PDB file of N, CA and C in Angstrom:
ATOM      1  N   MET A   1      25.213  -5.575  39.623  1.00  0.00           N
ATOM      2  CA  MET A   1      23.966  -5.324  39.730  1.00  0.00           C
ATOM      3  C   MET A   1      22.822  -5.107  39.025  1.00  0.00           C
ATOM      4  N   THR A   2      21.077  -6.117  38.516  1.00  0.00           N
ATOM      5  CA  THR A   2      20.341  -6.310  37.804  1.00  0.00           C
ATOM      6  C   THR A   2      19.099  -5.258  38.671  1.00  0.00           C
ATOM      7  N   PHE A   3      18.545  -4.408  37.549  1.00  0.00           N
ATOM      8  CA  PHE A   3      17.175  -4.440  38.564  1.00  0.00           C
ATOM      9  C   PHE A   3      16.142  -4.771  38.798  1.00  0.00           C
ATOM     10  N   ALA A   4      16.126  -6.373  38.717  1.00  0.00           N
ATOM     11  CA  ALA A   4      14.827  -7.629  39.784  1.00  0.00           C
ATOM     12  C   ALA A   4      15.640  -6.508  42.036  1.00  0.00           C
ATOM     13  N   GLN A   5      17.462  -6.890  41.391  1.00  0.00           N
ATOM     14  CA  GLN A   5      17.823  -6.108  42.618  1.00  0.00           C
ATOM     15  C   GLN A   5      17.396  -5.310  43.314  1.00  0.00           C
ATOM     16  N   THR A   6      16.857  -3.795  42.887  1.00  0.00           N
ATOM     17  CA  THR A   6      16.629  -2.852  42.941  1.00  0.00           C
ATOM     18  C   THR A   6      15.144  -2.243  42.323  1.00  0.00           C
ATOM     19  N   PRO A   7      14.013  -2.471  42.692  1.00  0.00           N
ATOM     20  CA  PRO A   7      13.300  -1.924  41.529  1.00  0.00           C
ATOM     21  C   PRO A   7      12.692  -0.716  41.234  1.00  0.00           C
ATOM     22  N   THR A   8      12.974   0.056  42.232  1.00  0.00           N
ATOM     23  CA  THR A   8      12.971   0.996  42.631  1.00  0.00           C
ATOM     24  C   THR A   8      13.609   1.658  41.428  1.00  0.00           C
ATOM     25  N   ALA A   9      15.249   1.243  41.065  1.00  0.00           N
ATOM     26  CA  ALA A   9      15.959   1.237  39.656  1.00  0.00           C
ATOM     27  C   ALA A   9      15.307   1.221  38.234  1.00  0.00           C
ATOM     28  N   ALA A  10      14.059   0.440  38.449  1.00  0.00           N
ATOM     29  CA  ALA A  10      13.999  -0.071  37.254  1.00  0.00           C
ATOM     30  C   ALA A  10      13.024   1.105  37.325  1.00  0.00           C
ATOM     31  N   SER A  11      11.779   1.781  38.331  1.00  0.00           N
ATOM     32  CA  SER A  11      11.187   2.549  37.955  1.00  0.00           C
ATOM     33  C   SER A  11      11.519   3.624  36.960  1.00  0.00           C
ATOM     34  N   GLU A  12      12.643   4.058  37.859  1.00  0.00           N
ATOM     35  CA  GLU A  12      13.251   5.263  37.688  1.00  0.00           C
ATOM     36  C   GLU A  12      13.513   5.545  36.096  1.00  0.00           C
ATOM     37  N   PHE A  13      14.100   3.889  35.173  1.00  0.00           N
ATOM     38  CA  PHE A  13      14.668   3.798  34.525  1.00  0.00           C
ATOM     39  C   PHE A  13      12.880   4.271  33.320  1.00  0.00           C
ATOM     40  N   VAL A  14      12.565   3.917  33.399  1.00  0.00           N
ATOM     41  CA  VAL A  14      11.213   2.897  32.350  1.00  0.00           C
ATOM     42  C   VAL A  14      10.651   4.762  32.425  1.00  0.00           C
ATOM     43  N   SER A  15      10.618   5.117  34.033  1.00  0.00           N
ATOM     44  CA  SER A  15      10.344   6.418  33.831  1.00  0.00           C
ATOM     45  C   SER A  15      10.821   7.478  32.898  1.00  0.00           C
ATOM     46  N   LYS A  16      12.199   7.511  33.222  1.00  0.00           N
ATOM     47  CA  LYS A  16      13.010   8.203  32.361  1.00  0.00           C
ATOM     48  C   LYS A  16      12.751   8.178  30.650  1.00  0.00           C
ATOM     49  N   VAL A  17      13.042   6.347  30.115  1.00  0.00           N
ATOM     50  CA  VAL A  17      12.595   6.057  29.078  1.00  0.00           C
ATOM     51  C   VAL A  17      11.365   6.894  28.474  1.00  0.00           C
ATOM     52  N   ASN A  18      10.150   7.203  29.640  1.00  0.00           N
ATOM     53  CA  ASN A  18       9.417   7.386  28.391  1.00  0.00           C
ATOM     54  C   ASN A  18       8.967   8.808  28.638  1.00  0.00           C
ATOM     55  N   GLU A  19       9.546   9.314  29.538  1.00  0.00           N
ATOM     56  CA  GLU A  19       9.911  10.952  29.680  1.00  0.00           C
ATOM     57  C   GLU A  19       9.955  11.206  28.257  1.00  0.00           C
ATOM     58  N   THR A  20      10.639  10.468  27.637  1.00  0.00           N
ATOM     59  CA  THR A  20      11.704  11.143  26.079  1.00  0.00           C
ATOM     60  C   THR A  20      10.923  10.451  25.319  1.00  0.00           C
ATOM     61  N   ILE A  21      10.686   9.446  25.429  1.00  0.00           N
ATOM     62  CA  ILE A  21       9.375   9.075  23.973  1.00  0.00           C
ATOM     63  C   ILE A  21       8.400  10.515  24.574  1.00  0.00           C
ATOM     64  N   ASP A  22       7.483  10.735  25.628  1.00  0.00           N
ATOM     65  CA  ASP A  22       7.002  11.708  25.304  1.00  0.00           C
ATOM     66  C   ASP A  22       7.145  13.080  25.176  1.00  0.00           C
ATOM     67  N   SER A  23       8.384  13.674  24.731  1.00  0.00           N
ATOM     68  CA  SER A  23       9.357  14.686  24.749  1.00  0.00           C
ATOM     69  C   SER A  23       9.155  14.649  23.194  1.00  0.00           C
ATOM     70  N   MET A  24       8.963  13.731  22.205  1.00  0.00           N
ATOM     71  CA  MET A  24       8.909  13.259  20.916  1.00  0.00           C
ATOM     72  C   MET A  24      10.559  13.512  20.181  1.00  0.00           C
ATOM     73  N   ASP A  25      11.395  12.888  21.379  1.00  0.00           N
ATOM     74  CA  ASP A  25      12.669  13.145  21.152  1.00  0.00           C
ATOM     75  C   ASP A  25      13.328  11.448  20.295  1.00  0.00           C
ATOM     76  N   GLU A  26      13.199  11.141  19.566  1.00  0.00           N
ATOM     77  CA  GLU A  26      13.582  10.412  19.217  1.00  0.00           C
ATOM     78  C   GLU A  26      14.875   9.837  19.457  1.00  0.00           C
ATOM     79  N   GLN A  27      15.190  11.159  18.898  1.00  0.00           N
ATOM     80  CA  GLN A  27      17.201  11.201  19.418  1.00  0.00           C
ATOM     81  C   GLN A  27      17.544  10.441  20.390  1.00  0.00           C
ATOM     82  N   GLY A  28      17.242  11.592  21.907  1.00  0.00           N
ATOM     83  CA  GLY A  28      17.115  10.869  22.789  1.00  0.00           C
ATOM     84  C   GLY A  28      16.487   9.241  22.899  1.00  0.00           C
ATOM     85  N   PHE A  29      15.310   9.056  22.560  1.00  0.00           N
ATOM     86  CA  PHE A  29      15.245   7.660  22.578  1.00  0.00           C
ATOM     87  C   PHE A  29      15.865   6.838  22.627  1.00  0.00           C
ATOM     88  N   ALA A  30      16.583   6.738  21.186  1.00  0.00           N
ATOM     89  CA  ALA A  30      17.489   6.276  20.779  1.00  0.00           C
ATOM     90  C   ALA A  30      18.765   6.430  21.843  1.00  0.00           C
ATOM     91  N   HIS A  31      19.131   6.841  22.817  1.00  0.00           N
ATOM     92  CA  HIS A  31      19.987   6.640  23.663  1.00  0.00           C
ATOM     93  C   HIS A  31      20.630   6.078  24.104  1.00  0.00           C
ATOM     94  N   PHE A  32      19.477   5.470  24.687  1.00  0.00           N
ATOM     95  CA  PHE A  32      18.666   4.841  25.951  1.00  0.00           C
ATOM     96  C   PHE A  32      18.930   3.104  25.260  1.00  0.00           C
ATOM     97  N   LEU A  33      19.281   2.989  23.839  1.00  0.00           N
ATOM     98  CA  LEU A  33      19.348   1.468  22.706  1.00  0.00           C
ATOM     99  C   LEU A  33      21.160   0.834  22.681  1.00  0.00           C
ATOM    100  N   THR A  34      21.092   0.041  22.513  1.00  0.00           N
ATOM    101  CA  THR A  34      22.045  -1.061  21.809  1.00  0.00           C
ATOM    102  C   THR A  34      22.738  -0.339  20.372  1.00  0.00           C
ATOM    103  N   GLU A  35      23.693  -0.069  20.659  1.00  0.00           N
ATOM    104  CA  GLU A  35      23.894  -0.307  18.885  1.00  0.00           C
ATOM    105  C   GLU A  35      23.284  -0.701  18.310  1.00  0.00           C
ATOM    106  N   ASN A  36      23.171  -2.553  18.218  1.00  0.00           N
ATOM    107  CA  ASN A  36      22.053  -3.300  17.318  1.00  0.00           C
ATOM    108  C   ASN A  36      20.921  -3.795  17.872  1.00  0.00           C
ATOM    109  N   CYS A  37      20.363  -3.081  18.317  1.00  0.00           N
ATOM    110  CA  CYS A  37      19.522  -3.412  19.355  1.00  0.00           C
ATOM    111  C   CYS A  37      17.790  -3.725  18.379  1.00  0.00           C
ATOM    112  N   THR A  38      16.893  -4.330  18.298  1.00  0.00           N
ATOM    113  CA  THR A  38      15.461  -4.996  17.747  1.00  0.00           C
ATOM    114  C   THR A  38      14.756  -4.179  18.952  1.00  0.00           C
ATOM    115  N   PHE A  39      13.799  -3.843  17.719  1.00  0.00           N
ATOM    116  CA  PHE A  39      12.909  -3.081  18.218  1.00  0.00           C
ATOM    117  C   PHE A  39      11.460  -3.131  17.524  1.00  0.00           C
ATOM    118  N   VAL A  40      10.783  -3.896  18.222  1.00  0.00           N
ATOM    119  CA  VAL A  40       9.039  -3.301  17.669  1.00  0.00           C
ATOM    120  C   VAL A  40       8.093  -2.780  18.594  1.00  0.00           C
ATOM    121  N   TYR A  41       7.616  -2.488  17.154  1.00  0.00           N
ATOM    122  CA  TYR A  41       6.398  -1.828  17.275  1.00  0.00           C
ATOM    123  C   TYR A  41       5.522  -2.169  17.126  1.00  0.00           C
ATOM    124  N   ALA A  42       4.347  -2.720  18.304  1.00  0.00           N
ATOM    125  CA  ALA A  42       2.725  -3.369  17.804  1.00  0.00           C
ATOM    126  C   ALA A  42       3.018  -4.707  16.105  1.00  0.00           C
ATOM    127  N   ASN A  43       2.529  -3.982  15.449  1.00  0.00           N
ATOM    128  CA  ASN A  43       2.414  -5.192  15.046  1.00  0.00           C
ATOM    129  C   ASN A  43       3.719  -4.913  13.537  1.00  0.00           C
ATOM    130  N   SER A  44       3.549  -3.879  13.096  1.00  0.00           N
ATOM    131  CA  SER A  44       5.611  -4.096  12.827  1.00  0.00           C
ATOM    132  C   SER A  44       6.352  -4.855  12.729  1.00  0.00           C
ATOM    133  N   GLU A  45       7.108  -4.907  11.515  1.00  0.00           N
ATOM    134  CA  GLU A  45       8.568  -5.496  11.244  1.00  0.00           C
ATOM    135  C   GLU A  45       9.244  -5.559  12.026  1.00  0.00           C
ATOM    136  N   PRO A  46      10.351  -6.443  12.823  1.00  0.00           N
ATOM    137  CA  PRO A  46      10.989  -5.651  13.908  1.00  0.00           C
ATOM    138  C   PRO A  46      12.429  -5.093  13.296  1.00  0.00           C
ATOM    139  N   VAL A  47      12.246  -3.861  13.246  1.00  0.00           N
ATOM    140  CA  VAL A  47      13.630  -2.913  13.321  1.00  0.00           C
ATOM    141  C   VAL A  47      15.514  -3.555  14.535  1.00  0.00           C
ATOM    142  N   ILE A  48      15.811  -3.842  12.801  1.00  0.00           N
ATOM    143  CA  ILE A  48      17.128  -3.459  13.389  1.00  0.00           C
ATOM    144  C   ILE A  48      17.795  -2.242  13.164  1.00  0.00           C
ATOM    145  N   GLY A  49      19.046  -2.016  14.561  1.00  0.00           N
ATOM    146  CA  GLY A  49      20.333  -0.838  14.776  1.00  0.00           C
ATOM    147  C   GLY A  49      18.988   0.028  15.664  1.00  0.00           C
ATOM    148  N   ARG A  50      20.073   0.644  16.429  1.00  0.00           N
ATOM    149  CA  ARG A  50      19.649   2.223  17.056  1.00  0.00           C
ATOM    150  C   ARG A  50      19.185   2.951  15.952  1.00  0.00           C
ATOM    151  N   ALA A  51      20.298   3.609  14.515  1.00  0.00           N
ATOM    152  CA  ALA A  51      19.703   4.344  14.379  1.00  0.00           C
ATOM    153  C   ALA A  51      18.084   4.056  12.645  1.00  0.00           C
ATOM    154  N   ASN A  52      18.002   2.794  13.188  1.00  0.00           N
ATOM    155  CA  ASN A  52      16.921   2.687  12.153  1.00  0.00           C
ATOM    156  C   ASN A  52      15.908   2.183  13.221  1.00  0.00           C
ATOM    157  N   ALA A  53      15.779   1.710  14.723  1.00  0.00           N
ATOM    158  CA  ALA A  53      14.787   2.863  14.974  1.00  0.00           C
ATOM    159  C   ALA A  53      14.503   3.734  15.962  1.00  0.00           C
ATOM    160  N   ALA A  54      15.142   4.961  15.482  1.00  0.00           N
ATOM    161  CA  ALA A  54      15.752   6.817  15.446  1.00  0.00           C
ATOM    162  C   ALA A  54      14.242   6.350  14.773  1.00  0.00           C
ATOM    163  N   ALA A  55      14.506   5.426  13.340  1.00  0.00           N
ATOM    164  CA  ALA A  55      13.574   6.485  12.019  1.00  0.00           C
ATOM    165  C   ALA A  55      12.797   6.261  12.411  1.00  0.00           C
ATOM    166  N   ALA A  56      12.484   4.848  12.953  1.00  0.00           N
ATOM    167  CA  ALA A  56      10.948   4.161  12.861  1.00  0.00           C
ATOM    168  C   ALA A  56       9.763   5.207  13.806  1.00  0.00           C
ATOM    169  N   SER A  57      11.014   5.606  15.236  1.00  0.00           N
ATOM    170  CA  SER A  57      10.221   5.930  16.286  1.00  0.00           C
ATOM    171  C   SER A  57      10.080   7.105  15.136  1.00  0.00           C
ATOM    172  N   GLN A  58      10.492   7.963  14.978  1.00  0.00           N
ATOM    173  CA  GLN A  58      10.051   9.657  14.621  1.00  0.00           C
ATOM    174  C   GLN A  58       9.239   9.416  13.388  1.00  0.00           C
ATOM    175  N   ASN A  59       9.131   8.471  12.018  1.00  0.00           N
ATOM    176  CA  ASN A  59       8.029   8.025  11.345  1.00  0.00           C
ATOM    177  C   ASN A  59       6.499   8.125  11.925  1.00  0.00           C
ATOM    178  N   PHE A  60       6.485   6.928  13.017  1.00  0.00           N
ATOM    179  CA  PHE A  60       5.678   6.949  14.474  1.00  0.00           C
ATOM    180  C   PHE A  60       5.247   8.965  15.173  1.00  0.00           C
ATOM    181  N   LEU A  61       6.232   9.241  14.830  1.00  0.00           N
ATOM    182  CA  LEU A  61       5.813  10.130  16.236  1.00  0.00           C
ATOM    183  C   LEU A  61       5.383  11.421  14.847  1.00  0.00           C
ATOM    184  N   LYS A  62       5.792  11.118  13.963  1.00  0.00           N
ATOM    185  CA  LYS A  62       5.161  12.674  13.187  1.00  0.00           C
ATOM    186  C   LYS A  62       4.031  12.699  13.017  1.00  0.00           C
ATOM    187  N   GLN A  63       3.480  11.474  12.716  1.00  0.00           N
ATOM    188  CA  GLN A  63       1.907  11.172  12.754  1.00  0.00           C
ATOM    189  C   GLN A  63       1.198  12.302  14.048  1.00  0.00           C
ATOM    190  N   LEU A  64       2.109  12.377  15.079  1.00  0.00           N
ATOM    191  CA  LEU A  64       1.342  12.957  16.086  1.00  0.00           C
ATOM    192  C   LEU A  64       1.592  14.493  16.570  1.00  0.00           C
ATOM    193  N   ALA A  65       0.550  14.575  17.146  1.00  0.00           N
ATOM    194  CA  ALA A  65       0.236  16.048  18.132  1.00  0.00           C
ATOM    195  C   ALA A  65       1.161  16.123  19.176  1.00  0.00           C
ATOM    196  N   GLY A  66       1.172  14.545  19.968  1.00  0.00           N
ATOM    197  CA  GLY A  66       1.603  14.769  21.222  1.00  0.00           C
ATOM    198  C   GLY A  66       1.541  12.836  21.445  1.00  0.00           C
ATOM    199  N   ILE A  67       2.065  13.089  22.436  1.00  0.00           N
ATOM    200  CA  ILE A  67       2.257  11.388  23.606  1.00  0.00           C
ATOM    201  C   ILE A  67       2.041  11.611  25.042  1.00  0.00           C
ATOM    202  N   LYS A  68       1.869  10.752  26.028  1.00  0.00           N
ATOM    203  CA  LYS A  68       2.007  10.422  27.301  1.00  0.00           C
ATOM    204  C   LYS A  68       2.243   9.304  28.260  1.00  0.00           C
ATOM    205  N   HIS A  69       2.093   8.703  28.145  1.00  0.00           N
ATOM    206  CA  HIS A  69       3.153   7.463  29.088  1.00  0.00           C
ATOM    207  C   HIS A  69       2.320   6.917  29.967  1.00  0.00           C
ATOM    208  N   HIS A  70       1.492   6.674  30.708  1.00  0.00           N
ATOM    209  CA  HIS A  70       1.573   6.886  32.067  1.00  0.00           C
ATOM    210  C   HIS A  70       1.987   5.627  32.702  1.00  0.00           C
ATOM    211  N   ILE A  71       2.523   5.451  33.835  1.00  0.00           N
ATOM    212  CA  ILE A  71       2.891   3.914  34.414  1.00  0.00           C
ATOM    213  C   ILE A  71       2.276   3.182  35.390  1.00  0.00           C
ATOM    214  N   LEU A  72       1.836   2.219  35.086  1.00  0.00           N
ATOM    215  CA  LEU A  72       0.655   2.106  35.731  1.00  0.00           C
ATOM    216  C   LEU A  72       1.515  -0.058  36.265  1.00  0.00           C
ATOM    217  N   ASN A  73       2.349  -0.137  35.932  1.00  0.00           N
ATOM    218  CA  ASN A  73       3.075  -1.099  36.899  1.00  0.00           C
ATOM    219  C   ASN A  73       4.850  -1.705  36.304  1.00  0.00           C
ATOM    220  N   VAL A  74       6.033  -1.692  36.320  1.00  0.00           N
ATOM    221  CA  VAL A  74       7.119  -2.128  36.721  1.00  0.00           C
ATOM    222  C   VAL A  74       8.120  -3.566  37.282  1.00  0.00           C
ATOM    223  N   TRP A  75       7.935  -4.692  36.479  1.00  0.00           N
ATOM    224  CA  TRP A  75       8.867  -5.591  36.843  1.00  0.00           C
ATOM    225  C   TRP A  75      10.300  -6.221  35.987  1.00  0.00           C
ATOM    226  N   ALA A  76      10.975  -6.304  37.363  1.00  0.00           N
ATOM    227  CA  ALA A  76      12.319  -6.719  36.484  1.00  0.00           C
ATOM    228  C   ALA A  76      12.318  -8.124  36.980  1.00  0.00           C
ATOM    229  N   PHE A  77      13.231  -8.204  35.835  1.00  0.00           N
ATOM    230  CA  PHE A  77      13.794  -9.758  36.149  1.00  0.00           C
ATOM    231  C   PHE A  77      14.790  -9.934  36.262  1.00  0.00           C
ATOM    232  N   GLU A  78      15.918 -10.168  36.214  1.00  0.00           N
ATOM    233  CA  GLU A  78      17.247 -10.266  35.563  1.00  0.00           C
ATOM    234  C   GLU A  78      17.588  -8.912  34.436  1.00  0.00           C
ATOM    235  N   ASP A  79      17.861  -9.031  33.236  1.00  0.00           N
ATOM    236  CA  ASP A  79      18.393  -8.361  32.852  1.00  0.00           C
ATOM    237  C   ASP A  79      16.999  -7.605  31.431  1.00  0.00           C
ATOM    238  N   VAL A  80      16.049  -8.328  32.476  1.00  0.00           N
ATOM    239  CA  VAL A  80      14.422  -8.375  32.110  1.00  0.00           C
ATOM    240  C   VAL A  80      13.451  -6.785  31.957  1.00  0.00           C
ATOM    241  N   VAL A  81      13.097  -5.901  31.615  1.00  0.00           N
ATOM    242  CA  VAL A  81      11.744  -4.796  32.083  1.00  0.00           C
ATOM    243  C   VAL A  81      11.325  -5.140  31.230  1.00  0.00           C
ATOM    244  N   VAL A  82       9.573  -5.164  32.540  1.00  0.00           N
ATOM    245  CA  VAL A  82       8.570  -4.936  32.125  1.00  0.00           C
ATOM    246  C   VAL A  82       7.162  -4.211  31.896  1.00  0.00           C
ATOM    247  N   SER A  83       6.486  -3.304  31.708  1.00  0.00           N
ATOM    248  CA  SER A  83       5.883  -2.635  32.079  1.00  0.00           C
ATOM    249  C   SER A  83       4.257  -2.692  31.651  1.00  0.00           C
ATOM    250  N   GLN A  84       3.512  -2.483  32.557  1.00  0.00           N
ATOM    251  CA  GLN A  84       2.249  -2.188  31.964  1.00  0.00           C
ATOM    252  C   GLN A  84       2.243  -0.464  31.283  1.00  0.00           C
ATOM    253  N   LEU A  85       1.128   0.141  30.809  1.00  0.00           N
ATOM    254  CA  LEU A  85       1.631   1.581  30.523  1.00  0.00           C
ATOM    255  C   LEU A  85      -0.587   1.516  30.186  1.00  0.00           C
ATOM    256  N   SER A  86      -0.945   2.821  30.022  1.00  0.00           N
ATOM    257  CA  SER A  86      -1.898   3.454  29.776  1.00  0.00           C
ATOM    258  C   SER A  86      -1.111   4.545  29.064  1.00  0.00           C
ATOM    259  N   VAL A  87      -1.573   4.774  27.544  1.00  0.00           N
ATOM    260  CA  VAL A  87      -0.069   5.505  26.975  1.00  0.00           C
ATOM    261  C   VAL A  87      -1.768   6.328  26.102  1.00  0.00           C
ATOM    262  N   THR A  88      -1.507   7.749  26.061  1.00  0.00           N
ATOM    263  CA  THR A  88      -2.890   8.624  25.581  1.00  0.00           C
ATOM    264  C   THR A  88      -1.894   9.567  24.387  1.00  0.00           C
ATOM    265  N   TYR A  89      -2.619   9.681  23.655  1.00  0.00           N
ATOM    266  CA  TYR A  89      -2.060  10.137  22.146  1.00  0.00           C
ATOM    267  C   TYR A  89      -2.412  10.969  21.914  1.00  0.00           C
ATOM    268  N   THR A  90      -2.171  12.135  21.566  1.00  0.00           N
ATOM    269  CA  THR A  90      -2.561  14.096  20.865  1.00  0.00           C
ATOM    270  C   THR A  90      -2.909  13.343  19.714  1.00  0.00           C
ATOM    271  N   ARG A  91      -4.103  12.838  18.407  1.00  0.00           N
ATOM    272  CA  ARG A  91      -3.859  13.056  17.171  1.00  0.00           C
ATOM    273  C   ARG A  91      -3.785  15.057  17.007  1.00  0.00           C
ATOM    274  N   LYS A  92      -2.924  15.127  16.098  1.00  0.00           N
ATOM    275  CA  LYS A  92      -3.083  16.325  15.314  1.00  0.00           C
ATOM    276  C   LYS A  92      -3.915  17.182  15.245  1.00  0.00           C
ATOM    277  N   ASP A  93      -5.196  17.001  14.959  1.00  0.00           N
ATOM    278  CA  ASP A  93      -6.468  17.462  15.637  1.00  0.00           C
ATOM    279  C   ASP A  93      -6.836  18.074  16.926  1.00  0.00           C
ATOM    280  N   GLY A  94      -6.029  17.866  17.724  1.00  0.00           N
ATOM    281  CA  GLY A  94      -6.248  17.901  19.166  1.00  0.00           C
ATOM    282  C   GLY A  94      -7.066  17.095  19.772  1.00  0.00           C
ATOM    283  N   SER A  95      -7.692  15.759  18.904  1.00  0.00           N
ATOM    284  CA  SER A  95      -8.295  14.560  19.976  1.00  0.00           C
ATOM    285  C   SER A  95      -7.642  13.823  20.729  1.00  0.00           C
ATOM    286  N   THR A  96      -7.501  13.372  21.911  1.00  0.00           N
ATOM    287  CA  THR A  96      -7.096  12.136  21.956  1.00  0.00           C
ATOM    288  C   THR A  96      -8.170  11.274  22.410  1.00  0.00           C
ATOM    289  N   VAL A  97      -6.978  10.366  22.786  1.00  0.00           N
ATOM    290  CA  VAL A  97      -7.153   8.157  22.474  1.00  0.00           C
ATOM    291  C   VAL A  97      -6.758   7.837  23.891  1.00  0.00           C
ATOM    292  N   THR A  98      -6.729   6.343  23.960  1.00  0.00           N
ATOM    293  CA  THR A  98      -5.953   6.481  25.541  1.00  0.00           C
ATOM    294  C   THR A  98      -5.632   4.571  25.736  1.00  0.00           C
ATOM    295  N   ILE A  99      -4.900   3.941  24.851  1.00  0.00           N
ATOM    296  CA  ILE A  99      -4.624   2.968  25.323  1.00  0.00           C
ATOM    297  C   ILE A  99      -3.892   2.231  25.850  1.00  0.00           C
ATOM    298  N   PRO A 100      -3.746   1.260  26.040  1.00  0.00           N
ATOM    299  CA  PRO A 100      -4.028   0.482  27.196  1.00  0.00           C
ATOM    300  C   PRO A 100      -2.174  -0.924  26.252  1.00  0.00           C
ATOM    301  N   ALA A 101      -1.718  -0.412  26.937  1.00  0.00           N
ATOM    302  CA  ALA A 101       0.592  -0.902  26.257  1.00  0.00           C
ATOM    303  C   ALA A 101       1.210  -1.693  27.961  1.00  0.00           C
ATOM    304  N   VAL A 102       2.064  -2.673  26.549  1.00  0.00           N
ATOM    305  CA  VAL A 102       2.362  -3.612  27.500  1.00  0.00           C
ATOM    306  C   VAL A 102       4.134  -2.907  27.055  1.00  0.00           C
ATOM    307  N   THR A 103       5.324  -2.950  27.672  1.00  0.00           N
ATOM    308  CA  THR A 103       6.343  -3.085  27.286  1.00  0.00           C
ATOM    309  C   THR A 103       7.689  -3.864  27.731  1.00  0.00           C
ATOM    310  N   ILE A 104       8.272  -4.586  26.392  1.00  0.00           N
ATOM    311  CA  ILE A 104       9.650  -5.772  26.682  1.00  0.00           C
ATOM    312  C   ILE A 104      10.414  -5.463  26.855  1.00  0.00           C
ATOM    313  N   TRP A 105      11.515  -4.483  27.509  1.00  0.00           N
ATOM    314  CA  TRP A 105      13.126  -4.628  27.443  1.00  0.00           C
ATOM    315  C   TRP A 105      14.182  -5.414  27.645  1.00  0.00           C
ATOM    316  N   LYS A 106      14.796  -6.059  27.201  1.00  0.00           N
ATOM    317  CA  LYS A 106      16.112  -6.640  27.860  1.00  0.00           C
ATOM    318  C   LYS A 106      17.516  -5.907  27.559  1.00  0.00           C
ATOM    319  N   LEU A 107      17.720  -6.171  28.210  1.00  0.00           N
ATOM    320  CA  LEU A 107      18.701  -4.952  28.219  1.00  0.00           C
ATOM    321  C   LEU A 107      20.694  -5.360  28.261  1.00  0.00           C
ATOM    322  N   GLN A 108      20.651  -4.859  27.822  1.00  0.00           N
ATOM    323  CA  GLN A 108      22.758  -5.168  27.989  1.00  0.00           C
ATOM    324  C   GLN A 108      23.645  -4.213  28.613  1.00  0.00           C
ATOM    325  N   ASP A 109      24.274  -3.683  29.089  1.00  0.00           N
ATOM    326  CA  ASP A 109      24.709  -2.897  30.165  1.00  0.00           C
ATOM    327  C   ASP A 109      24.105  -2.093  29.952  1.00  0.00           C
ATOM    328  N   MET A 110      23.189  -2.498  31.000  1.00  0.00           N
ATOM    329  CA  MET A 110      21.794  -0.850  30.986  1.00  0.00           C
ATOM    330  C   MET A 110      21.477   0.248  29.960  1.00  0.00           C
ATOM    331  N   LEU A 111      21.820  -1.096  29.085  1.00  0.00           N
ATOM    332  CA  LEU A 111      21.236  -0.244  27.726  1.00  0.00           C
ATOM    333  C   LEU A 111      19.986  -0.900  27.445  1.00  0.00           C
ATOM    334  N   ILE A 112      18.393  -0.725  26.332  1.00  0.00           N
ATOM    335  CA  ILE A 112      17.622  -1.417  25.848  1.00  0.00           C
ATOM    336  C   ILE A 112      18.834  -2.405  25.024  1.00  0.00           C
ATOM    337  N   ASP A 113      18.495  -4.274  25.241  1.00  0.00           N
ATOM    338  CA  ASP A 113      18.250  -4.341  23.687  1.00  0.00           C
ATOM    339  C   ASP A 113      18.252  -4.878  22.695  1.00  0.00           C
ATOM    340  N   GLU A 114      16.581  -5.503  23.426  1.00  0.00           N
ATOM    341  CA  GLU A 114      15.250  -5.972  22.419  1.00  0.00           C
ATOM    342  C   GLU A 114      14.305  -5.135  23.712  1.00  0.00           C
ATOM    343  N   CYS A 115      13.375  -4.250  22.335  1.00  0.00           N
ATOM    344  CA  CYS A 115      12.782  -3.409  22.538  1.00  0.00           C
ATOM    345  C   CYS A 115      11.365  -3.920  21.960  1.00  0.00           C
ATOM    346  N   ARG A 116      10.823  -4.248  22.826  1.00  0.00           N
ATOM    347  CA  ARG A 116       8.760  -4.802  22.464  1.00  0.00           C
ATOM    348  C   ARG A 116       7.886  -4.540  22.893  1.00  0.00           C
ATOM    349  N   ILE A 117       7.265  -3.402  21.549  1.00  0.00           N
ATOM    350  CA  ILE A 117       6.069  -2.596  22.882  1.00  0.00           C
ATOM    351  C   ILE A 117       4.854  -3.494  22.265  1.00  0.00           C
ATOM    352  N   TYR A 118       3.755  -4.024  22.726  1.00  0.00           N
ATOM    353  CA  TYR A 118       3.233  -4.088  22.663  1.00  0.00           C
ATOM    354  C   TYR A 118       1.322  -3.458  22.879  1.00  0.00           C
ATOM    355  N   VAL A 119       0.969  -3.389  22.027  1.00  0.00           N
ATOM    356  CA  VAL A 119      -0.386  -1.756  21.618  1.00  0.00           C
ATOM    357  C   VAL A 119      -1.048  -2.193  20.846  1.00  0.00           C
ATOM    358  N   ASP A 120      -1.576  -2.266  20.621  1.00  0.00           N
ATOM    359  CA  ASP A 120      -3.274  -2.435  19.464  1.00  0.00           C
ATOM    360  C   ASP A 120      -3.319  -1.053  19.513  1.00  0.00           C
ATOM    361  N   ILE A 121      -2.713   0.167  18.722  1.00  0.00           N
ATOM    362  CA  ILE A 121      -3.345   1.078  18.065  1.00  0.00           C
ATOM    363  C   ILE A 121      -4.202   1.283  16.844  1.00  0.00           C
ATOM    364  N   SER A 122      -4.791   0.497  16.903  1.00  0.00           N
ATOM    365  CA  SER A 122      -6.047   0.391  15.674  1.00  0.00           C
ATOM    366  C   SER A 122      -6.842   1.545  16.003  1.00  0.00           C
ATOM    367  N   PRO A 123      -7.271   1.460  16.977  1.00  0.00           N
ATOM    368  CA  PRO A 123      -7.788   2.661  17.873  1.00  0.00           C
ATOM    369  C   PRO A 123      -8.220   4.425  17.603  1.00  0.00           C
ATOM    370  N   LEU A 124      -6.034   4.255  17.313  1.00  0.00           N
ATOM    371  CA  LEU A 124      -5.916   5.804  17.459  1.00  0.00           C
ATOM    372  C   LEU A 124      -6.065   5.955  16.046  1.00  0.00           C
ATOM    373  N   PHE A 125      -6.189   5.382  15.265  1.00  0.00           N
ATOM    374  CA  PHE A 125      -6.523   5.789  13.660  1.00  0.00           C
ATOM    375  C   PHE A 125      -8.151   5.250  13.251  1.00  0.00           C
ATOM    376  N   GLU A 126      -8.803   5.810  14.692  1.00  0.00           N
ATOM    377  CA  GLU A 126     -10.559   5.500  13.879  1.00  0.00           C
ATOM    378  C   GLU A 126     -11.164   6.425  14.171  1.00  0.00           C
ATOM    379  N   ARG A 127     -11.803   6.925  13.426  1.00  0.00           N
ATOM    380  CA  ARG A 127     -12.674   8.098  13.474  1.00  0.00           C
ATOM    381  C   ARG A 127     -14.405   8.076  13.280  1.00  0.00           C
TER     382      ARG A 127
END
């Protein structure tokens, strides 16, 4: 069975992953990744491996006071899940900025093997 056959399951999976990220638990996020995954965030270089993806996530999240994903749409195609999001970032000073994003996840054995996050985070660092 694939997520394309059960769109509700795809939406639930996306929600579960994003709730984990919103809790700022990079190790919890890593449990959704394959051991040798490829992780690409915004215009960063690809990171290979679950542990490296968790470390990259931790390095980014420690710059924030909080993060909240708002899921707008989810599409599933065989072993690929695409989500359209609105992400609210809370800066350390308590101010917030909301930015649109898209994620593309290629799955392997119900884990994310390729995680590509398309977002322009430059507004997060503008003042």
